[in-house]
């Protein structure tokens, strides 16, 4: 085994993709590369056990530094001793990195966040949303999980999947908006083509630009729109025949308030928009066309709604 490969952190840096171009090229041309690559590939399929990382590493270092025992019987091994030690180290490091090489992004009330993925695809998270994905082997397995709302601009390449509690959105290269909150699921396609699959209804639909679908109360609802990108990117939330509870939740996410909806008809639908810049104006633009009155508890930031009818 070449001397530089025996460095304490060399294999860990290789597994995590941190070797320099020169180091990687030298390693790939070494006689040890083929065996180590096979060991590493096999280790990626393992599930992580519970272990003490530091104790394990100390034990492995003791084993690799210990002198071999003498024996009268000569044994010729097809795989040298260093390969077994390297395998143990690589499996330990490989499992550690597989479990920890994950990126998580969160937004709070009224926050937005732009995320550039490893393949230069872009995700813009709306308020009160969560996104996570594994960075390991991203280009061959472009898959992430979303809770909340996000707009995606996907680079062409292998299949790209957005996984939510209510359904899956699958694309090859496109722009689309996804909302997944509690049991509500909505997808709008701005560019390209997306396939939307419901987890509960076992049904899927293909959307083209300007087409949208929502899944609510075990029903597919489809409609058309004329936006090139969602208006929330420029400070305004827009809705088409949306359940009033979803509109109010969007208000809560933008202004960090709470609505008391016990005295309104939750089956009502809203078409329109509200601004993210002025709470009073936003509430009026939603409540007036819905024939709702409201009162504000400033200390608790609770808005109580009631029907004027």
Protein backbone atom coordinates (compact mmCIF):
# COMPACT_ATOMS: atom_id res chain seq x y z
CA UNK A 1 0.00 0.00 0.00
CA UNK A 2 1.51 3.32 -1.02
CA UNK A 3 2.68 5.55 1.82
CA UNK A 4 0.39 8.53 1.13
CA UNK A 5 -2.71 6.32 1.24
CA UNK A 6 -1.80 5.33 4.81
CA UNK A 7 -2.29 8.91 6.00
CA UNK A 8 -4.90 9.06 8.79
CA UNK A 9 -7.40 11.15 6.84
CA UNK A 10 -6.65 10.22 3.23
CA UNK A 11 -9.41 7.60 2.81
CA UNK A 12 -11.94 9.79 4.63
CA UNK A 13 -11.13 12.72 2.34
CA UNK A 14 -11.45 10.48 -0.72
CA UNK A 15 -14.86 9.12 0.37
CA UNK A 16 -16.17 12.63 1.03
CA UNK A 17 -14.86 13.98 -2.30
CA UNK A 18 -12.32 16.32 -0.71
CA UNK A 19 -9.17 15.18 -2.54
CA UNK A 20 -7.49 17.69 -4.82
CA UNK A 21 -7.46 16.99 -8.57
CA UNK A 22 -3.78 16.08 -8.37
CA UNK A 23 -4.29 13.74 -5.39
CA UNK A 24 -7.26 12.01 -7.03
CA UNK A 25 -5.42 11.48 -10.31
CA UNK A 26 -2.40 10.02 -8.51
CA UNK A 27 -4.64 7.75 -6.44
CA UNK A 28 -6.62 6.49 -9.46
CA UNK A 29 -3.35 5.53 -11.15
CA UNK A 30 -2.09 3.61 -8.12
CA UNK A 31 -2.15 -0.19 -7.79
CA UNK A 32 -4.36 0.09 -4.69
CA UNK A 33 -7.21 2.05 -6.29
CA UNK A 34 -9.20 -0.85 -7.80
CA UNK A 35 -9.39 -2.83 -4.54
CA UNK A 36 -10.22 0.22 -2.42
CA UNK A 37 -12.89 1.39 -4.84
CA UNK A 38 -14.62 -2.01 -4.68
CA UNK A 39 -14.55 -1.89 -0.88
CA UNK A 40 -15.94 1.64 -0.86
CA UNK A 41 -18.72 0.81 -3.34
CA UNK A 42 -19.78 -2.15 -1.20
CA UNK A 43 -19.72 -0.09 1.99
CA UNK A 44 -22.20 2.45 0.59
CA UNK A 45 -24.97 -0.16 0.66
CA UNK A 46 -24.59 -0.83 4.36
CA UNK A 47 -26.91 0.54 7.01
CA UNK A 48 -25.28 2.38 9.86
CA UNK A 49 -25.03 0.51 13.16
CA UNK A 50 -24.81 2.22 16.50
CA UNK A 51 -21.17 2.57 17.47
CA UNK A 52 -18.65 4.79 19.22
CA UNK A 53 -16.82 6.50 16.34
CA UNK A 54 -13.72 7.52 18.28
CA UNK A 55 -13.30 4.17 20.03
CA UNK A 56 -13.65 2.35 16.72
CA UNK A 57 -11.06 4.53 15.01
CA UNK A 58 -8.61 4.08 17.88
CA UNK A 59 -9.04 0.31 17.67
CA UNK A 60 -8.51 0.31 13.93
CA UNK A 61 -5.33 2.36 14.25
CA UNK A 62 -4.00 -0.12 16.80
CA UNK A 63 -4.74 -2.99 14.42
CA UNK A 64 -3.10 -1.35 11.41
CA UNK A 65 0.04 -0.44 13.40
CA UNK A 66 0.46 -3.85 15.11
CA UNK A 67 3.12 -6.23 13.79
CA UNK A 68 1.89 -9.47 12.18
CA UNK A 69 2.29 -12.69 14.18
CA UNK A 70 4.92 -15.17 12.99
CA UNK A 71 3.80 -18.57 11.84
CA UNK A 72 5.46 -21.73 10.60
CA UNK A 73 2.80 -22.17 7.96
CA UNK A 74 3.18 -19.91 4.97
CA UNK A 75 -0.13 -18.58 3.70
CA UNK A 76 -0.42 -16.60 0.49
CA UNK A 77 -3.44 -14.30 0.72
CA UNK A 78 -5.24 -13.07 -2.38
CA UNK A 79 -6.16 -9.89 -0.48
CA UNK A 80 -3.32 -8.36 1.60
CA UNK A 81 -3.72 -7.53 5.30
CA UNK A 82 -3.78 -3.82 4.66
CA UNK A 83 -6.88 -4.23 2.51
CA UNK A 84 -8.86 -5.70 5.42
CA UNK A 85 -7.79 -2.87 7.69
CA UNK A 86 -8.56 -0.36 4.97
CA UNK A 87 -11.97 -1.98 4.45
CA UNK A 88 -12.81 -1.60 8.12
CA UNK A 89 -11.70 2.03 8.14
CA UNK A 90 -13.57 2.77 4.93
CA UNK A 91 -16.77 1.10 6.10
CA UNK A 92 -16.63 3.09 9.34
CA UNK A 93 -15.93 6.34 7.55
CA UNK A 94 -18.26 5.46 4.67
CA UNK A 95 -21.24 4.81 6.94
CA UNK A 96 -20.44 7.96 8.92
CA UNK A 97 -20.36 10.14 5.81
CA UNK A 98 -23.40 8.50 4.20
CA UNK A 99 -25.43 9.24 7.31
CA UNK A 100 -24.14 12.77 7.76
CA UNK A 101 -23.72 14.13 4.22
CA UNK A 102 -27.19 15.63 4.20
CA UNK A 103 -28.20 19.23 3.65
CA UNK A 104 -31.13 20.79 5.50
CA UNK A 105 -32.68 24.20 4.90
CA UNK A 106 -35.42 25.93 6.88
CA UNK A 107 -37.27 29.23 6.66
CA UNK A 108 -39.17 30.95 9.46
CA UNK A 109 -42.16 33.27 9.37
CA UNK A 110 -41.96 35.84 6.53
CA UNK A 111 -38.58 34.42 5.40
CA UNK A 112 -37.54 33.27 1.93
CA UNK A 113 -34.38 31.37 1.01
CA UNK A 114 -32.63 30.58 -2.28
CA UNK A 115 -30.74 27.27 -2.44
CA UNK A 116 -28.39 26.19 -5.24
CA UNK A 117 -28.22 22.39 -5.51
CA UNK A 118 -25.02 20.48 -6.46
CA UNK A 119 -26.11 20.27 -10.14
CA UNK A 120 -26.86 24.05 -10.22
CA UNK A 121 -30.60 23.49 -10.02
CA UNK A 122 -32.20 26.21 -7.88
CA UNK A 123 -34.83 26.03 -5.17
CA UNK A 124 -36.51 29.05 -3.60
CA UNK A 125 -38.23 28.32 -0.30
CA UNK A 126 -41.26 30.32 0.79
CA UNK A 127 -42.00 31.15 4.44
CA UNK A 128 -42.14 28.42 7.11
CA UNK A 129 -40.80 25.65 4.87
CA UNK A 130 -38.28 22.83 5.17
CA UNK A 131 -36.10 21.18 2.50
CA UNK A 132 -33.54 18.39 2.82
CA UNK A 133 -31.53 16.14 0.51
CA UNK A 134 -28.47 13.87 0.57
CA UNK A 135 -25.44 15.38 -1.11
CA UNK A 136 -23.77 12.00 -1.64
CA UNK A 137 -24.20 10.81 -5.26
CA UNK A 138 -26.58 13.72 -5.89
CA UNK A 139 -26.08 13.81 -9.67
CA UNK A 140 -27.11 10.17 -10.04
CA UNK A 141 -29.95 10.34 -7.50
CA UNK A 142 -31.56 13.79 -7.59
CA UNK A 143 -34.12 13.41 -4.84
CA UNK A 144 -35.18 15.73 -2.04
CA UNK A 145 -37.91 16.11 0.57
CA UNK A 146 -40.12 19.18 1.01
CA UNK A 147 -42.52 20.36 3.65
CA UNK A 148 -44.03 23.76 2.90
CA UNK A 149 -43.78 25.69 -0.38
CA UNK A 150 -40.95 26.00 -2.89
CA UNK A 151 -40.28 27.04 -6.48
CA UNK A 152 -37.91 24.81 -8.49
CA UNK A 153 -35.74 25.64 -11.51
CA UNK A 154 -34.26 22.27 -12.47
CA UNK A 155 -31.23 21.68 -14.68
CA UNK A 156 -31.53 18.95 -17.28
CA UNK A 157 -30.14 15.57 -16.28
CA UNK A 158 -31.31 12.40 -14.59
CA UNK A 159 -34.75 12.18 -13.03
CA UNK A 160 -35.43 14.84 -10.39
CA UNK A 161 -37.93 14.01 -7.62
CA UNK A 162 -39.59 16.16 -4.97
CA UNK A 163 -41.02 13.94 -2.23
CA UNK A 164 -43.76 15.22 0.10
CA UNK A 165 -46.11 13.60 2.59
CA UNK A 166 -49.01 13.84 0.12
CA UNK A 167 -47.35 13.05 -3.19
CA UNK A 168 -44.32 13.01 -5.48
CA UNK A 169 -43.36 15.41 -8.27
CA UNK A 170 -41.04 13.98 -10.93
CA UNK A 171 -39.33 15.99 -13.67
CA UNK A 172 -36.45 15.95 -16.14
CA UNK A 173 -35.83 19.70 -16.48
CA UNK A 174 -38.40 22.37 -15.76
CA UNK A 175 -39.74 25.12 -13.49
CA UNK A 176 -42.58 24.41 -11.09
CA UNK A 177 -44.05 25.40 -7.72
CA UNK A 178 -45.01 22.93 -4.98
CA UNK A 179 -47.08 23.40 -1.82
CA UNK A 180 -47.26 20.58 0.70
CA UNK A 181 -48.69 21.47 4.11
CA UNK A 182 -50.50 18.99 6.34
CA UNK A 183 -52.94 17.23 3.99
CA UNK A 184 -52.89 19.92 1.28
CA UNK A 185 -50.86 19.34 -1.91
CA UNK A 186 -50.59 21.67 -4.93
CA UNK A 187 -48.32 21.80 -8.00
CA UNK A 188 -48.08 24.45 -10.72
CA UNK A 189 -45.94 23.83 -13.82
CA UNK A 190 -44.30 26.95 -15.33
CA UNK A 191 -41.97 25.31 -17.84
CA UNK A 192 -41.28 21.83 -19.22
CA UNK A 193 -43.27 18.88 -17.96
CA UNK A 194 -43.90 17.33 -14.53
CA UNK A 195 -45.56 14.14 -13.35
CA UNK A 196 -47.53 14.44 -10.11
CA UNK A 197 -48.34 11.27 -8.16
CA UNK A 198 -50.65 11.14 -5.16
CA UNK A 199 -49.55 8.96 -2.25
CA UNK A 200 -53.10 8.42 -1.01
CA UNK A 201 -55.15 8.24 -4.22
CA UNK A 202 -52.71 6.12 -6.28
CA UNK A 203 -53.27 8.42 -9.23
CA UNK A 204 -50.91 10.52 -11.34
CA UNK A 205 -51.23 13.31 -13.86
CA UNK A 206 -48.77 14.98 -16.26
CA UNK A 207 -48.73 18.78 -16.21
CA UNK A 208 -47.61 21.05 -19.06
CA UNK A 209 -46.74 24.77 -18.74
CA UNK A 210 -49.68 26.77 -17.39
CA UNK A 211 -51.36 23.72 -15.85
CA UNK A 212 -51.90 23.11 -12.14
CA UNK A 213 -53.35 20.48 -9.84
CA UNK A 214 -54.23 20.32 -6.18
CA UNK A 215 -55.18 17.35 -4.04
CA UNK A 216 -57.58 18.11 -1.20
CA UNK A 217 -60.12 15.90 0.57
CA UNK A 218 -59.13 13.02 -1.73
CA UNK A 219 -60.07 15.01 -4.83
CA UNK A 220 -57.96 16.04 -7.82
CA UNK A 221 -58.63 19.65 -8.86
CA UNK A 222 -57.08 20.93 -12.10
CA UNK A 223 -56.92 24.45 -13.54
CA UNK A 224 -54.88 26.70 -15.86
CA UNK A 225 -52.92 29.86 -15.06
CA UNK A 226 -50.75 32.46 -16.86
CA UNK A 227 -47.79 33.06 -14.50
CA UNK A 228 -44.16 32.58 -15.50
CA UNK A 229 -43.18 32.29 -11.83
CA UNK A 230 -45.09 32.38 -8.53
CA UNK A 231 -45.92 35.89 -7.31
CA UNK A 232 -44.67 35.12 -3.79
CA UNK A 233 -41.15 35.58 -5.17
CA UNK A 234 -41.91 39.29 -5.58
CA UNK A 235 -43.84 39.83 -2.35
CA UNK A 236 -47.41 38.79 -3.16
CA UNK A 237 -49.34 35.54 -2.70
CA UNK A 238 -51.87 34.69 -5.42
CA UNK A 239 -54.68 32.12 -5.24
CA UNK A 240 -57.21 30.59 -7.63
CA UNK A 241 -60.32 29.08 -6.06
CA UNK A 242 -58.22 28.07 -3.06
CA UNK A 243 -59.72 26.80 0.22
CA UNK A 244 -59.92 29.73 2.64
CA UNK A 245 -57.99 27.80 5.30
CA UNK A 246 -54.99 27.53 2.96
CA UNK A 247 -55.12 31.27 2.27
CA UNK A 248 -55.22 32.03 6.00
CA UNK A 249 -52.30 29.68 6.62
CA UNK A 250 -50.30 31.53 3.99
CA UNK A 251 -51.09 34.78 5.84
CA UNK A 252 -49.92 33.19 9.10
CA UNK A 253 -46.65 32.13 7.53
CA UNK A 254 -45.93 35.59 6.15
CA UNK A 255 -46.88 37.68 9.19
CA UNK A 256 -46.38 35.31 12.17
CA UNK A 257 -49.97 35.60 13.34
CA UNK A 258 -52.72 33.12 14.24
CA UNK A 259 -56.31 33.06 12.96
CA UNK A 260 -59.28 31.90 15.01
CA UNK A 261 -61.50 30.31 12.33
CA UNK A 262 -64.07 28.69 14.61
CA UNK A 263 -66.82 31.12 13.47
CA UNK A 264 -66.38 30.95 9.69
CA UNK A 265 -67.31 28.49 6.96
CA UNK A 266 -64.07 26.62 6.21
CA UNK A 267 -65.51 25.32 2.90
CA UNK A 268 -65.36 28.76 1.28
CA UNK A 269 -62.98 29.36 -1.63
CA UNK A 270 -60.88 32.44 -2.38
CA UNK A 271 -59.57 33.85 -5.66
CA UNK A 272 -57.28 36.85 -5.38
CA UNK A 273 -54.01 37.97 -3.81
CA UNK A 274 -52.51 39.65 -0.75
CA UNK A 275 -49.32 41.64 -0.20
CA UNK A 276 -46.48 40.54 2.09
CA UNK A 277 -45.62 44.12 3.05
CA UNK A 278 -48.68 45.32 4.99
CA UNK A 279 -50.59 43.09 7.42
CA UNK A 280 -53.67 45.32 7.65
CA UNK A 281 -53.99 45.62 3.87
CA UNK A 282 -53.42 41.87 3.42
CA UNK A 283 -56.21 40.98 5.85
CA UNK A 284 -58.62 43.43 4.21
CA UNK A 285 -57.98 42.12 0.70
CA UNK A 286 -58.84 38.61 1.89
CA UNK A 287 -61.66 39.32 4.35
CA UNK A 288 -63.65 41.88 2.30
CA UNK A 289 -64.45 39.71 -0.77
CA UNK A 290 -65.12 36.77 1.56
CA UNK A 291 -67.63 38.89 3.55
CA UNK A 292 -65.72 38.34 6.78
CA UNK A 293 -65.21 40.67 9.74
CA UNK A 294 -62.19 40.48 12.01
CA UNK A 295 -60.76 41.72 15.29
CA UNK A 296 -57.12 41.77 16.31
CA UNK A 297 -55.66 40.81 19.68
CA UNK A 298 -52.35 42.68 19.41
CA UNK A 299 -50.77 41.12 22.49
CA UNK A 300 -51.35 37.51 21.42
CA UNK A 301 -51.31 38.30 17.68
CA UNK A 302 -54.57 36.40 17.20
CA UNK A 303 -57.07 37.52 14.59
CA UNK A 304 -60.64 36.36 15.21
CA UNK A 305 -62.74 35.98 12.10
CA UNK A 306 -66.52 35.86 11.82
CA UNK A 307 -69.02 35.86 8.97
CA UNK A 308 -71.03 39.03 8.26
CA UNK A 309 -73.93 36.95 6.99
